[in-house]
Structures are given as C-alpha cells and as structure tokens.
C-alpha cells in the first residue's frame, strides 16, 4: 500500500486538486472600530476648521457615522469615504470629514464623531474642541 499525499489506496483512487491542498480559510471574528478625531489647527486665523474622524480596524464592513455638536445630531454636515481593506487583508478603515467656521470653533462647542458598528454592536466615539487658552483675539486667557 502506498502512503502519502496523492497516493492511491487499495480499491480507490484519490484525486488531489489545489483546493484540497490548501487549508480552509478560518472565519474572521468581528472587530470593533477604533475612532480618533483630529482637527486642522489651534490658531485663530480666519477661515474654516477641518475635522477628520479616522475609523480603523473594523470587520465586517458596514458601519454608521454621525457627527454631534454638543451632543446633538444633525447640526453638522459631513462626508464619509467608502471603507477600504486594511493591509492585513481582513479589517477595514475609513474616514469622515466635517468643517466648522472659526467663529463656531471659538464658541467652545464639542464636536463628536460617533460610530455605530452593527457587526459587533459597539458604539465608539471621539471628540474635538477648541484648544485650551484660545480666545477670539488669539491671545491666551
């Protein structure tokens, strides 16, 4: 009797294909996202403050992103990119962008990026607000 990979056994013929040589893929466990908010500047130059919410390391792909202003929904328009596969080939990342005027920023409101990930049932968030010591004239208080 012959033994080993691809060997025929008495009374039977076993045909090996590339699929039978590879291990079956393991199912990927759901991963909750990590959420981090950054803003463009602490300076008081006239213009717009850019807010960016980085959302990374989640699986499966679908999630919901909302921006809140002082805890209230629907006050800030945003644009969320389509999720892209991470370098590990399993998890996903995306980002959501929003902007506020310098005047609104200096009012000291809290801007929160809230992410709901149905695959894990998790709700994660991070926030940004004006830098400590910022005043309307650009001088430390």
Foldseek 3Di string as FASTA:
>chain_A
DDDDPLDADPPGHDDDDPVNVDDDDDDDAFDAWDWDKDWDDLFLDWDKIKIKIKIWDGPDQDKDKFKAKLNHTDPWDKDKDHWDADPVRGITIIMMMTMDGSVVQQVFIKIKIWMQDVSVRDIDMDIDGHDQQQHNVRGGD
